[in-house]
PDB file of N, CA and C in Angstrom:
ATOM      1  N   UNK A   1      -6.375 -47.561  62.502  1.00  0.00           N
ATOM      2  CA  UNK A   1      -7.059 -48.651  61.425  1.00  0.00           C
ATOM      3  C   UNK A   1      -5.584 -48.889  60.391  1.00  0.00           C
ATOM      4  N   UNK A   2      -4.658 -48.776  60.579  1.00  0.00           N
ATOM      5  CA  UNK A   2      -3.467 -49.014  59.565  1.00  0.00           C
ATOM      6  C   UNK A   2      -3.608 -50.524  59.399  1.00  0.00           C
ATOM      7  N   UNK A   3      -4.152 -51.736  60.410  1.00  0.00           N
ATOM      8  CA  UNK A   3      -3.830 -52.947  60.271  1.00  0.00           C
ATOM      9  C   UNK A   3      -4.923 -53.351  59.187  1.00  0.00           C
ATOM     10  N   UNK A   4      -5.870 -52.341  58.883  1.00  0.00           N
ATOM     11  CA  UNK A   4      -6.884 -52.855  57.915  1.00  0.00           C
ATOM     12  C   UNK A   4      -6.203 -52.888  56.405  1.00  0.00           C
ATOM     13  N   UNK A   5      -5.066 -52.177  56.285  1.00  0.00           N
ATOM     14  CA  UNK A   5      -4.547 -51.740  54.793  1.00  0.00           C
ATOM     15  C   UNK A   5      -2.994 -52.384  54.963  1.00  0.00           C
ATOM     16  N   UNK A   6      -2.723 -53.412  55.826  1.00  0.00           N
ATOM     17  CA  UNK A   6      -1.447 -54.325  55.662  1.00  0.00           C
ATOM     18  C   UNK A   6      -0.437 -53.734  56.581  1.00  0.00           C
ATOM     19  N   UNK A   7      -0.593 -52.653  57.275  1.00  0.00           N
ATOM     20  CA  UNK A   7       0.256 -52.043  58.011  1.00  0.00           C
ATOM     21  C   UNK A   7       0.310 -52.628  59.477  1.00  0.00           C
ATOM     22  N   UNK A   8       1.139 -52.708  60.203  1.00  0.00           N
ATOM     23  CA  UNK A   8       1.582 -53.138  61.770  1.00  0.00           C
ATOM     24  C   UNK A   8       0.726 -52.164  62.543  1.00  0.00           C
ATOM     25  N   UNK A   9      -0.236 -52.588  63.527  1.00  0.00           N
ATOM     26  CA  UNK A   9      -0.697 -51.492  64.353  1.00  0.00           C
ATOM     27  C   UNK A   9       0.287 -50.772  65.551  1.00  0.00           C
ATOM     28  N   UNK A  10       0.310 -49.684  65.382  1.00  0.00           N
ATOM     29  CA  UNK A  10       0.993 -48.815  66.299  1.00  0.00           C
ATOM     30  C   UNK A  10       0.736 -49.240  67.797  1.00  0.00           C
ATOM     31  N   UNK A  11       1.898 -49.439  68.547  1.00  0.00           N
ATOM     32  CA  UNK A  11       1.719 -49.847  69.935  1.00  0.00           C
ATOM     33  C   UNK A  11       1.712 -48.913  70.716  1.00  0.00           C
ATOM     34  N   UNK A  12       1.069 -48.476  71.982  1.00  0.00           N
ATOM     35  CA  UNK A  12       1.254 -47.343  72.645  1.00  0.00           C
ATOM     36  C   UNK A  12       2.420 -47.292  73.565  1.00  0.00           C
ATOM     37  N   UNK A  13       2.758 -46.447  74.327  1.00  0.00           N
ATOM     38  CA  UNK A  13       3.986 -46.345  75.245  1.00  0.00           C
ATOM     39  C   UNK A  13       4.090 -47.524  76.200  1.00  0.00           C
ATOM     40  N   UNK A  14       2.678 -47.510  76.752  1.00  0.00           N
ATOM     41  CA  UNK A  14       2.829 -48.693  77.680  1.00  0.00           C
ATOM     42  C   UNK A  14       3.067 -50.144  77.148  1.00  0.00           C
ATOM     43  N   UNK A  15       2.439 -50.325  75.996  1.00  0.00           N
ATOM     44  CA  UNK A  15       2.784 -51.639  75.345  1.00  0.00           C
ATOM     45  C   UNK A  15       4.201 -51.911  75.064  1.00  0.00           C
ATOM     46  N   UNK A  16       4.771 -50.735  74.499  1.00  0.00           N
ATOM     47  CA  UNK A  16       6.204 -50.597  74.200  1.00  0.00           C
ATOM     48  C   UNK A  16       7.181 -51.069  75.339  1.00  0.00           C
ATOM     49  N   UNK A  17       6.694 -50.460  76.565  1.00  0.00           N
ATOM     50  CA  UNK A  17       7.572 -50.557  77.865  1.00  0.00           C
ATOM     51  C   UNK A  17       7.461 -52.182  78.199  1.00  0.00           C
ATOM     52  N   UNK A  18       6.244 -52.871  78.182  1.00  0.00           N
ATOM     53  CA  UNK A  18       5.860 -54.004  78.546  1.00  0.00           C
ATOM     54  C   UNK A  18       6.555 -54.997  77.512  1.00  0.00           C
ATOM     55  N   UNK A  19       6.606 -54.727  76.555  1.00  0.00           N
ATOM     56  CA  UNK A  19       7.174 -55.662  75.212  1.00  0.00           C
ATOM     57  C   UNK A  19       8.859 -55.549  75.632  1.00  0.00           C
ATOM     58  N   UNK A  20       9.546 -54.479  75.649  1.00  0.00           N
ATOM     59  CA  UNK A  20      10.717 -54.396  76.222  1.00  0.00           C
ATOM     60  C   UNK A  20      11.199 -54.894  77.661  1.00  0.00           C
ATOM     61  N   UNK A  21      10.188 -54.934  78.615  1.00  0.00           N
ATOM     62  CA  UNK A  21      10.435 -55.570  79.985  1.00  0.00           C
ATOM     63  C   UNK A  21      10.328 -56.918  79.838  1.00  0.00           C
ATOM     64  N   UNK A  22       9.458 -57.488  78.839  1.00  0.00           N
ATOM     65  CA  UNK A  22       9.437 -59.026  78.415  1.00  0.00           C
ATOM     66  C   UNK A  22      10.530 -59.290  77.994  1.00  0.00           C
ATOM     67  N   UNK A  23      11.053 -58.796  77.012  1.00  0.00           N
ATOM     68  CA  UNK A  23      12.553 -59.141  76.018  1.00  0.00           C
ATOM     69  C   UNK A  23      13.871 -59.198  77.253  1.00  0.00           C
ATOM     70  N   UNK A  24      13.665 -58.202  77.902  1.00  0.00           N
ATOM     71  CA  UNK A  24      14.817 -57.925  79.033  1.00  0.00           C
ATOM     72  C   UNK A  24      14.732 -59.463  79.861  1.00  0.00           C
ATOM     73  N   UNK A  25      13.797 -59.797  80.472  1.00  0.00           N
ATOM     74  CA  UNK A  25      13.276 -60.912  81.231  1.00  0.00           C
ATOM     75  C   UNK A  25      13.713 -62.104  80.412  1.00  0.00           C
ATOM     76  N   UNK A  26      13.158 -62.223  79.281  1.00  0.00           N
ATOM     77  CA  UNK A  26      13.846 -63.381  78.342  1.00  0.00           C
ATOM     78  C   UNK A  26      15.227 -63.694  78.174  1.00  0.00           C
ATOM     79  N   UNK A  27      15.873 -62.398  77.973  1.00  0.00           N
ATOM     80  CA  UNK A  27      17.244 -62.217  77.390  1.00  0.00           C
ATOM     81  C   UNK A  27      17.862 -62.697  79.004  1.00  0.00           C
ATOM     82  N   UNK A  28      17.725 -62.081  79.763  1.00  0.00           N
ATOM     83  CA  UNK A  28      18.073 -62.422  81.283  1.00  0.00           C
ATOM     84  C   UNK A  28      18.179 -64.332  81.785  1.00  0.00           C
ATOM     85  N   UNK A  29      16.882 -64.569  81.338  1.00  0.00           N
ATOM     86  CA  UNK A  29      16.585 -65.916  81.450  1.00  0.00           C
ATOM     87  C   UNK A  29      17.626 -66.804  80.724  1.00  0.00           C
ATOM     88  N   UNK A  30      17.456 -66.330  79.440  1.00  0.00           N
ATOM     89  CA  UNK A  30      18.653 -67.286  78.553  1.00  0.00           C
ATOM     90  C   UNK A  30      19.814 -67.132  79.227  1.00  0.00           C
ATOM     91  N   UNK A  31      20.266 -65.863  79.763  1.00  0.00           N
ATOM     92  CA  UNK A  31      21.860 -66.016  80.002  1.00  0.00           C
ATOM     93  C   UNK A  31      22.114 -66.727  81.088  1.00  0.00           C
ATOM     94  N   UNK A  32      21.259 -66.616  82.305  1.00  0.00           N
ATOM     95  CA  UNK A  32      21.347 -67.698  83.378  1.00  0.00           C
ATOM     96  C   UNK A  32      21.356 -68.986  83.183  1.00  0.00           C
ATOM     97  N   UNK A  33      20.393 -69.496  82.131  1.00  0.00           N
ATOM     98  CA  UNK A  33      20.560 -70.778  81.856  1.00  0.00           C
ATOM     99  C   UNK A  33      21.500 -71.254  81.282  1.00  0.00           C
ATOM    100  N   UNK A  34      22.358 -70.195  80.128  1.00  0.00           N
ATOM    101  CA  UNK A  34      23.571 -70.707  79.618  1.00  0.00           C
ATOM    102  C   UNK A  34      24.598 -70.592  80.479  1.00  0.00           C
ATOM    103  N   UNK A  35      24.695 -69.590  81.530  1.00  0.00           N
ATOM    104  CA  UNK A  35      25.691 -69.543  82.403  1.00  0.00           C
ATOM    105  C   UNK A  35      25.866 -71.299  83.525  1.00  0.00           C
ATOM    106  N   UNK A  36      24.555 -71.331  84.148  1.00  0.00           N
ATOM    107  CA  UNK A  36      24.426 -72.384  84.774  1.00  0.00           C
ATOM    108  C   UNK A  36      24.680 -73.673  83.802  1.00  0.00           C
ATOM    109  N   UNK A  37      24.125 -73.900  82.849  1.00  0.00           N
ATOM    110  CA  UNK A  37      24.334 -75.111  82.180  1.00  0.00           C
ATOM    111  C   UNK A  37      26.076 -75.225  81.771  1.00  0.00           C
ATOM    112  N   UNK A  38      26.586 -74.226  81.258  1.00  0.00           N
ATOM    113  CA  UNK A  38      27.980 -74.200  80.804  1.00  0.00           C
ATOM    114  C   UNK A  38      28.947 -74.593  81.989  1.00  0.00           C
ATOM    115  N   UNK A  39      28.783 -73.678  82.904  1.00  0.00           N
ATOM    116  CA  UNK A  39      29.235 -73.774  84.094  1.00  0.00           C
ATOM    117  C   UNK A  39      29.491 -75.136  84.599  1.00  0.00           C
ATOM    118  N   UNK A  40      28.268 -75.817  84.721  1.00  0.00           N
ATOM    119  CA  UNK A  40      27.962 -76.917  85.666  1.00  0.00           C
ATOM    120  C   UNK A  40      28.863 -78.141  84.431  1.00  0.00           C
ATOM    121  N   UNK A  41      28.809 -77.615  83.262  1.00  0.00           N
ATOM    122  CA  UNK A  41      29.304 -78.705  82.411  1.00  0.00           C
ATOM    123  C   UNK A  41      30.985 -78.791  82.118  1.00  0.00           C
ATOM    124  N   UNK A  42      31.551 -77.625  82.491  1.00  0.00           N
ATOM    125  CA  UNK A  42      32.965 -77.123  82.065  1.00  0.00           C
ATOM    126  C   UNK A  42      34.013 -76.786  83.162  1.00  0.00           C
ATOM    127  N   UNK A  43      33.266 -76.447  84.153  1.00  0.00           N
ATOM    128  CA  UNK A  43      34.174 -76.024  85.496  1.00  0.00           C
ATOM    129  C   UNK A  43      33.961 -76.869  86.453  1.00  0.00           C
ATOM    130  N   UNK A  44      34.948 -77.738  87.199  1.00  0.00           N
ATOM    131  CA  UNK A  44      34.684 -78.294  88.205  1.00  0.00           C
ATOM    132  C   UNK A  44      34.419 -77.591  89.501  1.00  0.00           C
ATOM    133  N   UNK A  45      33.516 -78.307  90.447  1.00  0.00           N
ATOM    134  CA  UNK A  45      33.300 -77.678  91.647  1.00  0.00           C
ATOM    135  C   UNK A  45      34.250 -77.111  92.483  1.00  0.00           C
ATOM    136  N   UNK A  46      35.660 -77.909  92.460  1.00  0.00           N
ATOM    137  CA  UNK A  46      36.717 -77.722  93.268  1.00  0.00           C
ATOM    138  C   UNK A  46      37.666 -76.785  92.394  1.00  0.00           C
ATOM    139  N   UNK A  47      38.131 -75.572  92.698  1.00  0.00           N
ATOM    140  CA  UNK A  47      38.564 -75.048  91.916  1.00  0.00           C
ATOM    141  C   UNK A  47      40.421 -74.966  92.380  1.00  0.00           C
ATOM    142  N   UNK A  48      41.194 -74.930  91.404  1.00  0.00           N
ATOM    143  CA  UNK A  48      42.613 -75.396  91.812  1.00  0.00           C
ATOM    144  C   UNK A  48      43.563 -74.314  91.629  1.00  0.00           C
ATOM    145  N   UNK A  49      43.074 -73.080  90.423  1.00  0.00           N
ATOM    146  CA  UNK A  49      43.738 -72.037  90.377  1.00  0.00           C
ATOM    147  C   UNK A  49      42.691 -70.940  90.190  1.00  0.00           C
ATOM    148  N   UNK A  50      42.955 -69.535  90.341  1.00  0.00           N
ATOM    149  CA  UNK A  50      42.053 -68.290  90.040  1.00  0.00           C
ATOM    150  C   UNK A  50      41.624 -68.045  88.880  1.00  0.00           C
ATOM    151  N   UNK A  51      42.344 -68.440  87.878  1.00  0.00           N
ATOM    152  CA  UNK A  51      41.945 -68.609  86.584  1.00  0.00           C
ATOM    153  C   UNK A  51      41.703 -69.706  85.782  1.00  0.00           C
ATOM    154  N   UNK A  52      40.721 -69.541  84.801  1.00  0.00           N
ATOM    155  CA  UNK A  52      40.266 -70.808  83.807  1.00  0.00           C
ATOM    156  C   UNK A  52      41.524 -71.223  82.900  1.00  0.00           C
ATOM    157  N   UNK A  53      41.793 -72.739  83.036  1.00  0.00           N
ATOM    158  CA  UNK A  53      42.965 -73.153  82.182  1.00  0.00           C
ATOM    159  C   UNK A  53      42.399 -73.220  80.888  1.00  0.00           C
ATOM    160  N   UNK A  54      43.165 -74.135  80.077  1.00  0.00           N
ATOM    161  CA  UNK A  54      42.787 -73.946  78.520  1.00  0.00           C
ATOM    162  C   UNK A  54      41.870 -74.909  78.407  1.00  0.00           C
ATOM    163  N   UNK A  55      41.639 -75.932  78.978  1.00  0.00           N
ATOM    164  CA  UNK A  55      40.543 -77.203  78.722  1.00  0.00           C
ATOM    165  C   UNK A  55      39.160 -76.232  79.188  1.00  0.00           C
ATOM    166  N   UNK A  56      39.318 -75.662  80.074  1.00  0.00           N
ATOM    167  CA  UNK A  56      37.952 -75.156  80.650  1.00  0.00           C
ATOM    168  C   UNK A  56      37.398 -74.035  79.844  1.00  0.00           C
ATOM    169  N   UNK A  57      38.398 -73.148  79.141  1.00  0.00           N
ATOM    170  CA  UNK A  57      38.247 -71.954  78.362  1.00  0.00           C
ATOM    171  C   UNK A  57      37.690 -72.548  76.870  1.00  0.00           C
ATOM    172  N   UNK A  58      38.258 -73.744  76.558  1.00  0.00           N
ATOM    173  CA  UNK A  58      38.052 -74.038  75.214  1.00  0.00           C
ATOM    174  C   UNK A  58      36.674 -74.960  75.298  1.00  0.00           C
ATOM    175  N   UNK A  59      36.181 -75.499  76.590  1.00  0.00           N
ATOM    176  CA  UNK A  59      34.932 -75.930  76.739  1.00  0.00           C
ATOM    177  C   UNK A  59      34.007 -74.966  76.855  1.00  0.00           C
ATOM    178  N   UNK A  60      34.005 -74.084  77.597  1.00  0.00           N
ATOM    179  CA  UNK A  60      32.909 -72.792  78.158  1.00  0.00           C
ATOM    180  C   UNK A  60      32.895 -72.180  76.304  1.00  0.00           C
ATOM    181  N   UNK A  61      33.813 -71.807  75.508  1.00  0.00           N
ATOM    182  CA  UNK A  61      33.962 -71.629  74.256  1.00  0.00           C
ATOM    183  C   UNK A  61      32.766 -72.370  73.321  1.00  0.00           C
ATOM    184  N   UNK A  62      33.122 -73.839  73.728  1.00  0.00           N
ATOM    185  CA  UNK A  62      31.934 -74.724  72.602  1.00  0.00           C
ATOM    186  C   UNK A  62      30.976 -74.923  73.200  1.00  0.00           C
ATOM    187  N   UNK A  63      30.869 -74.879  74.391  1.00  0.00           N
ATOM    188  CA  UNK A  63      29.310 -74.777  75.129  1.00  0.00           C
ATOM    189  C   UNK A  63      28.417 -73.612  74.703  1.00  0.00           C
ATOM    190  N   UNK A  64      29.109 -72.213  74.845  1.00  0.00           N
ATOM    191  CA  UNK A  64      28.650 -71.215  74.662  1.00  0.00           C
ATOM    192  C   UNK A  64      27.758 -70.992  72.838  1.00  0.00           C
ATOM    193  N   UNK A  65      28.707 -71.536  72.311  1.00  0.00           N
ATOM    194  CA  UNK A  65      28.847 -71.734  70.868  1.00  0.00           C
ATOM    195  C   UNK A  65      27.472 -72.668  70.364  1.00  0.00           C
ATOM    196  N   UNK A  66      27.534 -73.800  71.081  1.00  0.00           N
ATOM    197  CA  UNK A  66      26.319 -74.701  70.819  1.00  0.00           C
ATOM    198  C   UNK A  66      25.021 -74.453  71.369  1.00  0.00           C
ATOM    199  N   UNK A  67      24.971 -73.553  72.570  1.00  0.00           N
ATOM    200  CA  UNK A  67      24.139 -72.941  73.205  1.00  0.00           C
ATOM    201  C   UNK A  67      23.237 -72.257  72.162  1.00  0.00           C
ATOM    202  N   UNK A  68      23.791 -71.199  71.581  1.00  0.00           N
ATOM    203  CA  UNK A  68      23.124 -70.365  70.695  1.00  0.00           C
ATOM    204  C   UNK A  68      23.005 -70.906  69.595  1.00  0.00           C
ATOM    205  N   UNK A  69      23.617 -71.653  68.935  1.00  0.00           N
ATOM    206  CA  UNK A  69      23.337 -72.383  67.827  1.00  0.00           C
ATOM    207  C   UNK A  69      22.052 -73.333  67.690  1.00  0.00           C
ATOM    208  N   UNK A  70      21.691 -74.074  69.201  1.00  0.00           N
ATOM    209  CA  UNK A  70      20.447 -74.637  69.344  1.00  0.00           C
ATOM    210  C   UNK A  70      19.106 -73.976  69.465  1.00  0.00           C
ATOM    211  N   UNK A  71      19.934 -72.605  69.955  1.00  0.00           N
ATOM    212  CA  UNK A  71      18.839 -71.791  70.484  1.00  0.00           C
ATOM    213  C   UNK A  71      18.239 -70.853  68.956  1.00  0.00           C
ATOM    214  N   UNK A  72      19.100 -70.730  68.131  1.00  0.00           N
ATOM    215  CA  UNK A  72      18.762 -70.299  67.053  1.00  0.00           C
ATOM    216  C   UNK A  72      18.049 -71.329  66.400  1.00  0.00           C
ATOM    217  N   UNK A  73      18.364 -72.432  65.947  1.00  0.00           N
ATOM    218  CA  UNK A  73      17.615 -73.453  65.308  1.00  0.00           C
ATOM    219  C   UNK A  73      15.914 -73.988  65.898  1.00  0.00           C
ATOM    220  N   UNK A  74      15.747 -73.612  67.267  1.00  0.00           N
ATOM    221  CA  UNK A  74      14.731 -74.086  68.087  1.00  0.00           C
ATOM    222  C   UNK A  74      13.681 -72.661  67.625  1.00  0.00           C
ATOM    223  N   UNK A  75      14.308 -71.639  67.620  1.00  0.00           N
ATOM    224  CA  UNK A  75      13.633 -70.244  67.213  1.00  0.00           C
ATOM    225  C   UNK A  75      13.017 -70.270  66.010  1.00  0.00           C
ATOM    226  N   UNK A  76      13.941 -70.593  64.969  1.00  0.00           N
ATOM    227  CA  UNK A  76      13.702 -70.694  63.452  1.00  0.00           C
ATOM    228  C   UNK A  76      12.552 -71.721  63.247  1.00  0.00           C
ATOM    229  N   UNK A  77      12.628 -72.791  64.027  1.00  0.00           N
ATOM    230  CA  UNK A  77      11.547 -74.011  64.093  1.00  0.00           C
ATOM    231  C   UNK A  77      10.374 -73.502  64.484  1.00  0.00           C
ATOM    232  N   UNK A  78      10.322 -72.761  65.351  1.00  0.00           N
ATOM    233  CA  UNK A  78       8.890 -72.354  66.412  1.00  0.00           C
ATOM    234  C   UNK A  78       8.335 -71.137  65.413  1.00  0.00           C
ATOM    235  N   UNK A  79       9.024 -70.323  64.776  1.00  0.00           N
ATOM    236  CA  UNK A  79       8.732 -69.287  63.796  1.00  0.00           C
ATOM    237  C   UNK A  79       7.966 -69.781  62.722  1.00  0.00           C
ATOM    238  N   UNK A  80       8.710 -70.792  62.214  1.00  0.00           N
ATOM    239  CA  UNK A  80       8.114 -71.461  60.771  1.00  0.00           C
ATOM    240  C   UNK A  80       6.828 -72.255  61.184  1.00  0.00           C
ATOM    241  N   UNK A  81       6.720 -73.010  62.227  1.00  0.00           N
ATOM    242  CA  UNK A  81       5.706 -73.646  62.790  1.00  0.00           C
ATOM    243  C   UNK A  81       4.317 -72.922  63.110  1.00  0.00           C
ATOM    244  N   UNK A  82       4.875 -71.488  63.620  1.00  0.00           N
ATOM    245  CA  UNK A  82       3.737 -70.587  63.816  1.00  0.00           C
ATOM    246  C   UNK A  82       3.196 -69.877  62.448  1.00  0.00           C
ATOM    247  N   UNK A  83       3.968 -69.564  61.593  1.00  0.00           N
ATOM    248  CA  UNK A  83       4.118 -69.085  60.091  1.00  0.00           C
ATOM    249  C   UNK A  83       2.739 -70.126  59.540  1.00  0.00           C
ATOM    250  N   UNK A  84       3.363 -71.269  59.538  1.00  0.00           N
ATOM    251  CA  UNK A  84       2.453 -72.454  59.137  1.00  0.00           C
ATOM    252  C   UNK A  84       1.019 -72.305  59.637  1.00  0.00           C
ATOM    253  N   UNK A  85       1.004 -72.253  61.045  1.00  0.00           N
ATOM    254  CA  UNK A  85      -0.416 -72.367  61.372  1.00  0.00           C
ATOM    255  C   UNK A  85      -1.136 -71.019  61.042  1.00  0.00           C
ATOM    256  N   UNK A  86      -0.509 -69.778  60.856  1.00  0.00           N
ATOM    257  CA  UNK A  86      -1.411 -68.546  60.542  1.00  0.00           C
ATOM    258  C   UNK A  86      -1.610 -68.683  59.151  1.00  0.00           C
ATOM    259  N   UNK A  87      -1.174 -69.266  58.503  1.00  0.00           N
ATOM    260  CA  UNK A  87      -1.032 -69.388  56.867  1.00  0.00           C
ATOM    261  C   UNK A  87      -2.430 -70.509  56.524  1.00  0.00           C
ATOM    262  N   UNK A  88      -2.130 -71.518  57.602  1.00  0.00           N
ATOM    263  CA  UNK A  88      -3.226 -72.730  57.173  1.00  0.00           C
ATOM    264  C   UNK A  88      -4.747 -72.414  57.930  1.00  0.00           C
ATOM    265  N   UNK A  89      -4.738 -71.065  58.278  1.00  0.00           N
ATOM    266  CA  UNK A  89      -6.177 -70.969  59.265  1.00  0.00           C
ATOM    267  C   UNK A  89      -7.290 -71.195  58.463  1.00  0.00           C
ATOM    268  N   UNK A  90      -7.412 -71.041  57.213  1.00  0.00           N
ATOM    269  CA  UNK A  90      -8.483 -71.427  56.510  1.00  0.00           C
ATOM    270  C   UNK A  90      -9.444 -70.359  56.391  1.00  0.00           C
ATOM    271  N   UNK A  91     -10.586 -70.421  55.935  1.00  0.00           N
ATOM    272  CA  UNK A  91     -11.902 -69.590  55.768  1.00  0.00           C
ATOM    273  C   UNK A  91     -12.276 -69.165  57.071  1.00  0.00           C
ATOM    274  N   UNK A  92     -12.385 -70.350  57.879  1.00  0.00           N
ATOM    275  CA  UNK A  92     -13.163 -70.341  59.259  1.00  0.00           C
ATOM    276  C   UNK A  92     -12.282 -69.479  60.524  1.00  0.00           C
ATOM    277  N   UNK A  93     -11.164 -69.051  60.236  1.00  0.00           N
ATOM    278  CA  UNK A  93     -10.590 -68.535  61.193  1.00  0.00           C
ATOM    279  C   UNK A  93      -9.745 -69.453  62.053  1.00  0.00           C
ATOM    280  N   UNK A  94      -9.554 -70.634  61.498  1.00  0.00           N
ATOM    281  CA  UNK A  94      -8.701 -71.673  61.992  1.00  0.00           C
ATOM    282  C   UNK A  94      -9.349 -72.232  63.216  1.00  0.00           C
ATOM    283  N   UNK A  95     -10.761 -72.158  63.361  1.00  0.00           N
ATOM    284  CA  UNK A  95     -11.229 -72.895  64.399  1.00  0.00           C
ATOM    285  C   UNK A  95     -11.663 -74.256  64.276  1.00  0.00           C
ATOM    286  N   UNK A  96     -11.675 -74.742  62.802  1.00  0.00           N
ATOM    287  CA  UNK A  96     -11.835 -76.142  62.850  1.00  0.00           C
ATOM    288  C   UNK A  96     -13.205 -76.294  62.546  1.00  0.00           C
ATOM    289  N   UNK A  97     -13.918 -75.400  62.142  1.00  0.00           N
ATOM    290  CA  UNK A  97     -15.620 -75.763  62.306  1.00  0.00           C
ATOM    291  C   UNK A  97     -15.977 -75.966  60.870  1.00  0.00           C
TER     292      UNK A  97
END
């Protein structure tokens, strides 16, 4: 009953495991999208050399940086909107009645 007094409710072991699994899936998905997007943008389909050249390396570095920057901005925006919806719920529980 700690949630009644402002504390966070304690999660069970199963809930903690489920949350960790969800987080791993989200991180894996983000990594896969990042890899696909930046590889498609920066590395030509026909390889001329075994190693990345300078242009490909710089392109990948910038692409990854921009990807994380946009991801962070989107995350902050979504958290802000979620906080506004939570704070603007009103006395009727946010159901608009």
